[in-house]
C-alpha atoms as a PDB file:
ATOM      1  CA  UNK A   1      46.993 -23.204 -89.810  1.00  0.00           C
ATOM      2  CA  UNK A   2      43.229 -22.947 -90.719  1.00  0.00           C
ATOM      3  CA  UNK A   3      42.529 -26.495 -91.660  1.00  0.00           C
ATOM      4  CA  UNK A   4      43.458 -27.004 -88.233  1.00  0.00           C
ATOM      5  CA  UNK A   5      41.470 -25.253 -86.737  1.00  0.00           C
ATOM      6  CA  UNK A   6      38.604 -26.001 -88.446  1.00  0.00           C
ATOM      7  CA  UNK A   7      39.072 -29.490 -87.602  1.00  0.00           C
ATOM      8  CA  UNK A   8      39.579 -28.852 -83.848  1.00  0.00           C
ATOM      9  CA  UNK A   9      36.037 -26.923 -83.431  1.00  0.00           C
ATOM     10  CA  UNK A  10      34.384 -29.192 -85.447  1.00  0.00           C
ATOM     11  CA  UNK A  11      36.030 -32.317 -83.199  1.00  0.00           C
ATOM     12  CA  UNK A  12      35.214 -29.512 -80.242  1.00  0.00           C
ATOM     13  CA  UNK A  13      31.260 -29.584 -81.581  1.00  0.00           C
ATOM     14  CA  UNK A  14      31.462 -33.273 -81.711  1.00  0.00           C
ATOM     15  CA  UNK A  15      32.737 -34.010 -78.298  1.00  0.00           C
ATOM     16  CA  UNK A  16      29.645 -31.285 -76.757  1.00  0.00           C
ATOM     17  CA  UNK A  17      27.151 -33.626 -78.040  1.00  0.00           C
ATOM     18  CA  UNK A  18      28.508 -36.615 -76.405  1.00  0.00           C
ATOM     19  CA  UNK A  19      27.623 -36.778 -72.612  1.00  0.00           C
ATOM     20  CA  UNK A  20      30.133 -36.970 -70.299  1.00  0.00           C
ATOM     21  CA  UNK A  21      32.955 -35.570 -71.853  1.00  0.00           C
ATOM     22  CA  UNK A  22      32.879 -31.539 -70.739  1.00  0.00           C
ATOM     23  CA  UNK A  23      35.421 -32.082 -67.216  1.00  0.00           C
ATOM     24  CA  UNK A  24      37.243 -28.927 -66.881  1.00  0.00           C
ATOM     25  CA  UNK A  25      39.925 -29.847 -69.609  1.00  0.00           C
ATOM     26  CA  UNK A  26      37.509 -29.924 -71.882  1.00  0.00           C
ATOM     27  CA  UNK A  27      35.776 -26.390 -70.937  1.00  0.00           C
ATOM     28  CA  UNK A  28      39.725 -25.021 -70.971  1.00  0.00           C
ATOM     29  CA  UNK A  29      40.469 -26.042 -74.268  1.00  0.00           C
ATOM     30  CA  UNK A  30      36.820 -24.740 -75.882  1.00  0.00           C
ATOM     31  CA  UNK A  31      37.515 -21.463 -74.020  1.00  0.00           C
ATOM     32  CA  UNK A  32      41.019 -21.394 -75.443  1.00  0.00           C
ATOM     33  CA  UNK A  33      39.915 -22.298 -79.058  1.00  0.00           C
ATOM     34  CA  UNK A  34      37.207 -19.705 -78.691  1.00  0.00           C
ATOM     35  CA  UNK A  35      39.546 -17.137 -77.588  1.00  0.00           C
ATOM     36  CA  UNK A  36      41.862 -17.364 -80.806  1.00  0.00           C
ATOM     37  CA  UNK A  37      38.449 -16.582 -83.343  1.00  0.00           C
ATOM     38  CA  UNK A  38      37.308 -13.808 -81.302  1.00  0.00           C
ATOM     39  CA  UNK A  39      40.371 -12.734 -81.956  1.00  0.00           C
ATOM     40  CA  UNK A  40      40.536 -12.796 -85.462  1.00  0.00           C
ATOM     41  CA  UNK A  41      36.744 -11.395 -85.337  1.00  0.00           C
ATOM     42  CA  UNK A  42      37.875  -8.825 -83.407  1.00  0.00           C
ATOM     43  CA  UNK A  43      40.845  -7.583 -85.892  1.00  0.00           C
ATOM     44  CA  UNK A  44      38.434  -8.079 -88.732  1.00  0.00           C
ATOM     45  CA  UNK A  45      35.866  -5.863 -86.752  1.00  0.00           C
ATOM     46  CA  UNK A  46      37.571  -2.575 -86.235  1.00  0.00           C
ATOM     47  CA  UNK A  47      40.132  -0.823 -87.842  1.00  0.00           C
ATOM     48  CA  UNK A  48      42.693  -0.161 -84.409  1.00  0.00           C
ATOM     49  CA  UNK A  49      42.256  -3.847 -83.615  1.00  0.00           C
ATOM     50  CA  UNK A  50      43.964  -5.188 -86.711  1.00  0.00           C
ATOM     51  CA  UNK A  51      47.175  -3.311 -85.371  1.00  0.00           C
ATOM     52  CA  UNK A  52      47.133  -5.467 -82.200  1.00  0.00           C
ATOM     53  CA  UNK A  53      45.886  -8.486 -83.893  1.00  0.00           C
ATOM     54  CA  UNK A  54      47.012 -10.668 -86.847  1.00  0.00           C
ATOM     55  CA  UNK A  55      44.064 -10.965 -89.363  1.00  0.00           C
ATOM     56  CA  UNK A  56      42.756 -14.393 -90.145  1.00  0.00           C
ATOM     57  CA  UNK A  57      44.889 -15.818 -93.170  1.00  0.00           C
ATOM     58  CA  UNK A  58      43.549 -15.055 -96.217  1.00  0.00           C
ATOM     59  CA  UNK A  59      40.614 -12.906 -94.293  1.00  0.00           C
ATOM     60  CA  UNK A  60      39.224 -16.234 -93.523  1.00  0.00           C
ATOM     61  CA  UNK A  61      36.650 -16.345 -90.323  1.00  0.00           C
ATOM     62  CA  UNK A  62      36.194 -19.762 -89.904  1.00  0.00           C
ATOM     63  CA  UNK A  63      31.715 -19.391 -89.783  1.00  0.00           C
ATOM     64  CA  UNK A  64      30.754 -22.285 -87.907  1.00  0.00           C
ATOM     65  CA  UNK A  65      32.456 -20.815 -84.172  1.00  0.00           C
ATOM     66  CA  UNK A  66      28.856 -19.395 -83.157  1.00  0.00           C
ATOM     67  CA  UNK A  67      27.295 -22.827 -83.795  1.00  0.00           C
ATOM     68  CA  UNK A  68      29.868 -24.917 -82.522  1.00  0.00           C
ATOM     69  CA  UNK A  69      29.719 -22.335 -79.068  1.00  0.00           C
ATOM     70  CA  UNK A  70      26.328 -22.840 -78.790  1.00  0.00           C
ATOM     71  CA  UNK A  71      26.653 -26.216 -78.820  1.00  0.00           C
ATOM     72  CA  UNK A  72      29.388 -26.333 -75.900  1.00  0.00           C
ATOM     73  CA  UNK A  73      27.517 -23.415 -73.853  1.00  0.00           C
ATOM     74  CA  UNK A  74      24.649 -25.588 -74.050  1.00  0.00           C
ATOM     75  CA  UNK A  75      26.854 -28.789 -73.416  1.00  0.00           C
ATOM     76  CA  UNK A  76      26.483 -29.967 -69.532  1.00  0.00           C
END
């Protein structure tokens, strides 16, 4: 599961650098992937949040998320 998430995020970053691939469906998928990562960060950031959201496997947070998010935000 974590390796699939990492691969999907990496692909998202590569697609963000390609012109013309940023339609509504692409942005919706990006938002969905970021929401999964945001929940993982949130569950680790607050004690009460860890009750509502499962912790990431092995406590792993994917460190490339901020960089990928910046690429997606910059994509036009």
